[in-house]
Amino acid sequence: MSLQVSLRTGESQESLLLRFQKAVQHSGILREIKTHSYYVSRGEATRMKAKKNARKRRRQTFEHKSY
């Protein structure tokens, strides 16, 4: 996956860098690198997925409670 950000006319290097950082965040490259930075067994992956889903359900039920 290649990511290209070219310098626009009259654009400073700081704004070019900000556009590049936003493009990297939007493309999900860093998230992909973090997930593949170490080996995760199939069982561990399912446990992590279940834990993530439980946390997500807790947040959703907390938001929908009316006090």
N, C-alpha and C. Protein backbone atom coordinates (compact mmCIF):
# COMPACT_ATOMS: atom_id res chain seq x y z
N MET A 1 0.86 -1.16 0.00
CA MET A 1 0.00 0.00 0.00
C MET A 1 0.90 1.22 0.00
N SER A 2 0.77 2.07 -1.01
CA SER A 2 1.58 3.28 -1.02
C SER A 2 0.70 4.48 -0.72
N LEU A 3 1.27 5.42 -0.06
CA LEU A 3 0.56 6.63 0.34
C LEU A 3 1.35 7.82 -0.17
N GLN A 4 0.72 8.65 -0.99
CA GLN A 4 1.43 9.80 -1.55
C GLN A 4 0.72 11.09 -1.16
N VAL A 5 1.51 12.05 -0.70
CA VAL A 5 1.00 13.38 -0.41
C VAL A 5 1.97 14.34 -1.06
N SER A 6 1.49 15.13 -2.01
CA SER A 6 2.38 16.05 -2.71
C SER A 6 2.19 17.47 -2.19
N LEU A 7 3.24 18.24 -2.31
CA LEU A 7 3.24 19.63 -1.83
C LEU A 7 2.41 20.49 -2.76
N ARG A 8 1.44 21.18 -2.20
CA ARG A 8 0.60 22.09 -2.98
C ARG A 8 1.30 23.45 -3.08
N THR A 9 0.89 24.23 -4.07
CA THR A 9 1.53 25.55 -4.23
C THR A 9 1.17 26.44 -3.05
N GLY A 10 2.19 27.04 -2.48
CA GLY A 10 2.00 27.94 -1.35
C GLY A 10 1.74 27.24 -0.03
N GLU A 11 1.92 25.92 0.03
CA GLU A 11 1.66 25.16 1.26
C GLU A 11 2.94 25.03 2.06
N SER A 12 2.86 25.23 3.35
CA SER A 12 4.04 25.07 4.20
C SER A 12 4.29 23.59 4.46
N GLN A 13 5.50 23.30 4.90
CA GLN A 13 5.85 21.90 5.16
C GLN A 13 5.11 21.36 6.39
N GLU A 14 4.77 22.25 7.33
CA GLU A 14 4.02 21.80 8.50
C GLU A 14 2.63 21.30 8.10
N SER A 15 1.97 22.05 7.22
CA SER A 15 0.64 21.61 6.79
C SER A 15 0.72 20.37 5.92
N LEU A 16 1.80 20.23 5.16
CA LEU A 16 2.01 19.01 4.38
C LEU A 16 2.16 17.82 5.32
N LEU A 17 2.94 18.00 6.37
CA LEU A 17 3.13 16.94 7.35
C LEU A 17 1.82 16.58 8.05
N LEU A 18 1.00 17.58 8.38
CA LEU A 18 -0.30 17.32 9.00
C LEU A 18 -1.21 16.54 8.06
N ARG A 19 -1.20 16.91 6.77
CA ARG A 19 -2.02 16.17 5.81
C ARG A 19 -1.55 14.73 5.69
N PHE A 20 -0.22 14.53 5.72
CA PHE A 20 0.32 13.17 5.65
C PHE A 20 -0.10 12.37 6.88
N GLN A 21 0.00 12.96 8.06
CA GLN A 21 -0.38 12.26 9.29
C GLN A 21 -1.86 11.89 9.27
N LYS A 22 -2.72 12.80 8.79
CA LYS A 22 -4.14 12.49 8.69
C LYS A 22 -4.39 11.37 7.70
N ALA A 23 -3.65 11.36 6.60
CA ALA A 23 -3.81 10.31 5.60
C ALA A 23 -3.40 8.96 6.17
N VAL A 24 -2.33 8.94 6.95
CA VAL A 24 -1.87 7.69 7.58
C VAL A 24 -2.92 7.20 8.57
N GLN A 25 -3.48 8.10 9.38
CA GLN A 25 -4.52 7.72 10.34
C GLN A 25 -5.74 7.18 9.62
N HIS A 26 -6.16 7.86 8.57
CA HIS A 26 -7.36 7.47 7.83
C HIS A 26 -7.18 6.12 7.13
N SER A 27 -5.98 5.85 6.64
CA SER A 27 -5.76 4.60 5.92
C SER A 27 -5.66 3.40 6.85
N GLY A 28 -5.35 3.61 8.12
CA GLY A 28 -5.28 2.51 9.08
C GLY A 28 -3.97 1.76 9.05
N ILE A 29 -2.92 2.36 8.53
CA ILE A 29 -1.62 1.69 8.44
C ILE A 29 -1.07 1.38 9.82
N LEU A 30 -1.14 2.34 10.73
CA LEU A 30 -0.58 2.13 12.07
C LEU A 30 -1.34 1.04 12.83
N ARG A 31 -2.66 1.02 12.68
CA ARG A 31 -3.46 -0.02 13.33
C ARG A 31 -3.05 -1.40 12.81
N GLU A 32 -2.83 -1.49 11.51
CA GLU A 32 -2.41 -2.75 10.89
C GLU A 32 -1.05 -3.19 11.43
N ILE A 33 -0.13 -2.26 11.56
CA ILE A 33 1.20 -2.59 12.07
C ILE A 33 1.12 -3.07 13.51
N LYS A 34 0.30 -2.40 14.32
CA LYS A 34 0.18 -2.80 15.72
C LYS A 34 -0.40 -4.20 15.86
N THR A 35 -1.38 -4.54 15.01
CA THR A 35 -1.98 -5.87 15.12
C THR A 35 -1.04 -6.96 14.66
N HIS A 36 -0.12 -6.66 13.76
CA HIS A 36 0.81 -7.66 13.26
C HIS A 36 2.20 -7.54 13.86
N SER A 37 2.35 -6.78 14.93
CA SER A 37 3.68 -6.60 15.50
C SER A 37 4.15 -7.84 16.27
N TYR A 38 3.20 -8.68 16.70
CA TYR A 38 3.58 -9.92 17.37
C TYR A 38 2.54 -10.98 17.06
N TYR A 39 2.93 -12.24 17.23
CA TYR A 39 2.05 -13.35 16.89
C TYR A 39 0.97 -13.50 17.96
N VAL A 40 -0.27 -13.66 17.51
CA VAL A 40 -1.40 -13.91 18.40
C VAL A 40 -2.03 -15.22 17.96
N SER A 41 -2.10 -16.17 18.90
CA SER A 41 -2.68 -17.46 18.57
C SER A 41 -4.17 -17.32 18.31
N ARG A 42 -4.74 -18.32 17.70
CA ARG A 42 -6.16 -18.28 17.37
C ARG A 42 -7.02 -18.17 18.62
N GLY A 43 -6.67 -18.91 19.66
CA GLY A 43 -7.42 -18.86 20.92
C GLY A 43 -7.33 -17.49 21.57
N GLU A 44 -6.14 -16.92 21.56
CA GLU A 44 -5.96 -15.60 22.14
C GLU A 44 -6.73 -14.55 21.35
N ALA A 45 -6.77 -14.70 20.03
CA ALA A 45 -7.51 -13.76 19.19
C ALA A 45 -9.00 -13.82 19.50
N THR A 46 -9.54 -15.02 19.71
CA THR A 46 -10.97 -15.13 20.03
C THR A 46 -11.26 -14.56 21.41
N ARG A 47 -10.34 -14.76 22.38
CA ARG A 47 -10.52 -14.17 23.71
C ARG A 47 -10.50 -12.65 23.65
N MET A 48 -9.57 -12.10 22.87
CA MET A 48 -9.49 -10.65 22.74
C MET A 48 -10.75 -10.11 22.06
N LYS A 49 -11.25 -10.82 21.07
CA LYS A 49 -12.45 -10.40 20.35
C LYS A 49 -13.66 -10.43 21.28
N ALA A 50 -13.77 -11.48 22.10
CA ALA A 50 -14.89 -11.58 23.04
C ALA A 50 -14.82 -10.47 24.08
N LYS A 51 -13.61 -10.18 24.55
CA LYS A 51 -13.44 -9.11 25.53
C LYS A 51 -13.81 -7.76 24.94
N LYS A 52 -13.42 -7.54 23.69
CA LYS A 52 -13.74 -6.28 23.01
C LYS A 52 -15.25 -6.15 22.82
N ASN A 53 -15.92 -7.23 22.42
CA ASN A 53 -17.36 -7.20 22.22
C ASN A 53 -18.11 -6.97 23.53
N ALA A 54 -17.62 -7.58 24.62
CA ALA A 54 -18.26 -7.39 25.93
C ALA A 54 -18.15 -5.93 26.35
N ARG A 55 -16.98 -5.33 26.14
CA ARG A 55 -16.78 -3.93 26.49
C ARG A 55 -17.71 -3.04 25.65
N LYS A 56 -17.84 -3.39 24.38
CA LYS A 56 -18.71 -2.64 23.48
C LYS A 56 -20.17 -2.73 23.93
N ARG A 57 -20.62 -3.93 24.32
CA ARG A 57 -22.00 -4.11 24.80
C ARG A 57 -22.24 -3.33 26.08
N ARG A 58 -21.26 -3.34 26.98
CA ARG A 58 -21.40 -2.59 28.23
C ARG A 58 -21.56 -1.10 27.96
N ARG A 59 -20.77 -0.59 27.05
CA ARG A 59 -20.86 0.83 26.71
C ARG A 59 -22.21 1.15 26.09
N GLN A 60 -22.71 0.29 25.21
CA GLN A 60 -23.99 0.54 24.55
C GLN A 60 -25.13 0.50 25.55
N THR A 61 -25.13 -0.44 26.48
CA THR A 61 -26.20 -0.52 27.46
C THR A 61 -26.13 0.66 28.43
N PHE A 62 -24.94 1.13 28.73
CA PHE A 62 -24.79 2.27 29.61
C PHE A 62 -25.35 3.52 28.95
N GLU A 63 -25.13 3.69 27.65
CA GLU A 63 -25.63 4.86 26.94
C GLU A 63 -27.15 4.86 26.84
N HIS A 64 -27.78 3.68 26.76
CA HIS A 64 -29.21 3.60 26.54
C HIS A 64 -30.02 3.62 27.84
N LYS A 65 -29.37 3.55 28.98
CA LYS A 65 -30.11 3.61 30.25
C LYS A 65 -30.63 5.03 30.45
N SER A 66 -31.86 5.12 30.90
CA SER A 66 -32.41 6.45 31.19
C SER A 66 -32.50 6.61 32.70
N TYR A 67 -31.97 7.68 33.20
CA TYR A 67 -31.96 7.92 34.64
C TYR A 67 -32.98 8.94 35.02
